């Protein structure tokens, strides 16, 4: 499902206009990006039941250039991380009874 399909499905389910849903969706993304950027490693952006977005620190490490086989240094960096919630896990793989 892409963004347009998601917006259409939410509009149908809530009887809101597609334009209204898109404004809310875009605002949510902008606010979430700003929160993660401002708070860096202390930030969590939680969607209850769906999952949590956060920023993680990756340590510097050695890597290998696949074209030349030469060893290269990869600097430390911050990366976005998503951890899915219990409800999403159970939706994809229901618990056995």
C-alpha atoms as a PDB file:
ATOM      1  CA  UNK A   1       0.000   0.000   0.000  1.00  0.00           C
ATOM      2  CA  UNK A   2       1.423   3.358  -0.950  1.00  0.00           C
ATOM      3  CA  UNK A   3       0.696   6.759   0.614  1.00  0.00           C
ATOM      4  CA  UNK A   4      -2.120   7.633  -1.802  1.00  0.00           C
ATOM      5  CA  UNK A   5      -3.848   4.296  -1.162  1.00  0.00           C
ATOM      6  CA  UNK A   6      -3.472   4.745   2.603  1.00  0.00           C
ATOM      7  CA  UNK A   7      -4.957   8.244   2.465  1.00  0.00           C
ATOM      8  CA  UNK A   8      -7.869   7.006   0.351  1.00  0.00           C
ATOM      9  CA  UNK A   9      -8.545   4.098   2.738  1.00  0.00           C
ATOM     10  CA  UNK A  10      -8.500   6.393   5.786  1.00  0.00           C
ATOM     11  CA  UNK A  11     -10.794   8.874   4.014  1.00  0.00           C
ATOM     12  CA  UNK A  12     -13.246   6.084   3.193  1.00  0.00           C
ATOM     13  CA  UNK A  13     -13.152   4.665   6.734  1.00  0.00           C
ATOM     14  CA  UNK A  14     -13.575   8.037   8.472  1.00  0.00           C
ATOM     15  CA  UNK A  15     -15.765   9.878   5.961  1.00  0.00           C
ATOM     16  CA  UNK A  16     -13.198  12.713   5.900  1.00  0.00           C
ATOM     17  CA  UNK A  17     -12.022  14.265   2.662  1.00  0.00           C
ATOM     18  CA  UNK A  18      -8.836  12.946   1.061  1.00  0.00           C
ATOM     19  CA  UNK A  19      -7.386  16.481   1.244  1.00  0.00           C
ATOM     20  CA  UNK A  20      -8.106  16.653   4.978  1.00  0.00           C
ATOM     21  CA  UNK A  21      -6.555  13.252   5.634  1.00  0.00           C
ATOM     22  CA  UNK A  22      -3.499  14.216   3.560  1.00  0.00           C
ATOM     23  CA  UNK A  23      -3.045  17.433   5.580  1.00  0.00           C
ATOM     24  CA  UNK A  24      -3.186  15.463   8.839  1.00  0.00           C
ATOM     25  CA  UNK A  25      -0.816  12.806   7.488  1.00  0.00           C
ATOM     26  CA  UNK A  26       1.683  15.414   6.230  1.00  0.00           C
ATOM     27  CA  UNK A  27       1.492  17.333   9.520  1.00  0.00           C
ATOM     28  CA  UNK A  28       2.108  14.144  11.483  1.00  0.00           C
ATOM     29  CA  UNK A  29       5.199  13.378   9.391  1.00  0.00           C
ATOM     30  CA  UNK A  30       6.586  16.934   9.735  1.00  0.00           C
ATOM     31  CA  UNK A  31       6.016  16.998  13.499  1.00  0.00           C
ATOM     32  CA  UNK A  32       7.555  13.531  13.852  1.00  0.00           C
ATOM     33  CA  UNK A  33      10.621  14.463  11.783  1.00  0.00           C
ATOM     34  CA  UNK A  34      11.098  17.661  13.800  1.00  0.00           C
ATOM     35  CA  UNK A  35      10.793  15.745  17.091  1.00  0.00           C
ATOM     36  CA  UNK A  36      13.348  13.114  16.061  1.00  0.00           C
ATOM     37  CA  UNK A  37      15.734  15.750  14.666  1.00  0.00           C
ATOM     38  CA  UNK A  38      15.494  17.995  17.738  1.00  0.00           C
ATOM     39  CA  UNK A  39      15.790  15.295  20.400  1.00  0.00           C
ATOM     40  CA  UNK A  40      18.123  12.974  18.473  1.00  0.00           C
ATOM     41  CA  UNK A  41      19.007   9.889  20.549  1.00  0.00           C
ATOM     42  CA  UNK A  42      16.478  10.677  23.303  1.00  0.00           C
ATOM     43  CA  UNK A  43      13.513  10.752  20.910  1.00  0.00           C
ATOM     44  CA  UNK A  44      10.847   8.117  20.463  1.00  0.00           C
ATOM     45  CA  UNK A  45       7.911   8.541  18.095  1.00  0.00           C
ATOM     46  CA  UNK A  46       5.327   5.993  19.204  1.00  0.00           C
ATOM     47  CA  UNK A  47       2.285   4.793  17.259  1.00  0.00           C
ATOM     48  CA  UNK A  48       0.503   2.694  19.906  1.00  0.00           C
ATOM     49  CA  UNK A  49      -0.120  -0.838  18.682  1.00  0.00           C
ATOM     50  CA  UNK A  50       1.855  -0.228  15.484  1.00  0.00           C
ATOM     51  CA  UNK A  51       5.391   0.487  16.601  1.00  0.00           C
ATOM     52  CA  UNK A  52       8.061   2.946  17.635  1.00  0.00           C
ATOM     53  CA  UNK A  53      10.455   5.049  15.588  1.00  0.00           C
ATOM     54  CA  UNK A  54      13.675   6.234  17.205  1.00  0.00           C
ATOM     55  CA  UNK A  55      17.195   7.362  16.409  1.00  0.00           C
ATOM     56  CA  UNK A  56      20.098   4.999  17.094  1.00  0.00           C
ATOM     57  CA  UNK A  57      23.845   5.627  17.102  1.00  0.00           C
ATOM     58  CA  UNK A  58      25.906   3.359  14.871  1.00  0.00           C
ATOM     59  CA  UNK A  59      29.559   3.009  15.876  1.00  0.00           C
ATOM     60  CA  UNK A  60      32.392   3.621  13.436  1.00  0.00           C
ATOM     61  CA  UNK A  61      33.615   0.453  11.779  1.00  0.00           C
ATOM     62  CA  UNK A  62      35.797  -1.001   9.082  1.00  0.00           C
ATOM     63  CA  UNK A  63      34.227  -1.969   5.784  1.00  0.00           C
ATOM     64  CA  UNK A  64      35.368  -3.306   2.425  1.00  0.00           C
ATOM     65  CA  UNK A  65      34.848  -1.605  -0.921  1.00  0.00           C
ATOM     66  CA  UNK A  66      33.207  -4.401  -2.967  1.00  0.00           C
ATOM     67  CA  UNK A  67      34.631  -3.119  -6.257  1.00  0.00           C
ATOM     68  CA  UNK A  68      38.267  -2.884  -5.183  1.00  0.00           C
ATOM     69  CA  UNK A  69      38.420  -5.081  -2.076  1.00  0.00           C
ATOM     70  CA  UNK A  70      40.104  -2.157  -0.317  1.00  0.00           C
ATOM     71  CA  UNK A  71      39.485  -1.624   3.406  1.00  0.00           C
ATOM     72  CA  UNK A  72      37.630   1.624   4.225  1.00  0.00           C
ATOM     73  CA  UNK A  73      36.656   3.367   7.436  1.00  0.00           C
ATOM     74  CA  UNK A  74      32.914   3.934   7.886  1.00  0.00           C
ATOM     75  CA  UNK A  75      32.280   6.844  10.268  1.00  0.00           C
ATOM     76  CA  UNK A  76      29.868   6.758  13.233  1.00  0.00           C
ATOM     77  CA  UNK A  77      26.392   8.028  12.388  1.00  0.00           C
ATOM     78  CA  UNK A  78      22.827   8.311  13.577  1.00  0.00           C
ATOM     79  CA  UNK A  79      20.200   6.183  11.822  1.00  0.00           C
ATOM     80  CA  UNK A  80      16.410   5.884  12.063  1.00  0.00           C
ATOM     81  CA  UNK A  81      15.167   2.618  13.582  1.00  0.00           C
ATOM     82  CA  UNK A  82      11.668   1.103  13.701  1.00  0.00           C
ATOM     83  CA  UNK A  83      10.552  -1.500  16.225  1.00  0.00           C
ATOM     84  CA  UNK A  84       7.130  -2.967  15.561  1.00  0.00           C
ATOM     85  CA  UNK A  85       4.526  -3.192  18.299  1.00  0.00           C
ATOM     86  CA  UNK A  86       2.859  -6.278  19.702  1.00  0.00           C
ATOM     87  CA  UNK A  87      -0.422  -5.724  17.858  1.00  0.00           C
ATOM     88  CA  UNK A  88       1.386  -5.492  14.501  1.00  0.00           C
ATOM     89  CA  UNK A  89       3.410  -8.637  15.267  1.00  0.00           C
ATOM     90  CA  UNK A  90       0.232 -10.522  16.180  1.00  0.00           C
ATOM     91  CA  UNK A  91      -1.522  -9.276  13.042  1.00  0.00           C
ATOM     92  CA  UNK A  92       1.260 -10.603  10.822  1.00  0.00           C
ATOM     93  CA  UNK A  93       1.911 -13.797  12.799  1.00  0.00           C
ATOM     94  CA  UNK A  94      -0.991 -14.656  15.126  1.00  0.00           C
ATOM     95  CA  UNK A  95      -0.125 -16.467  18.328  1.00  0.00           C
ATOM     96  CA  UNK A  96      -0.806 -20.184  18.234  1.00  0.00           C
ATOM     97  CA  UNK A  97      -3.499 -21.351  20.615  1.00  0.00           C
END
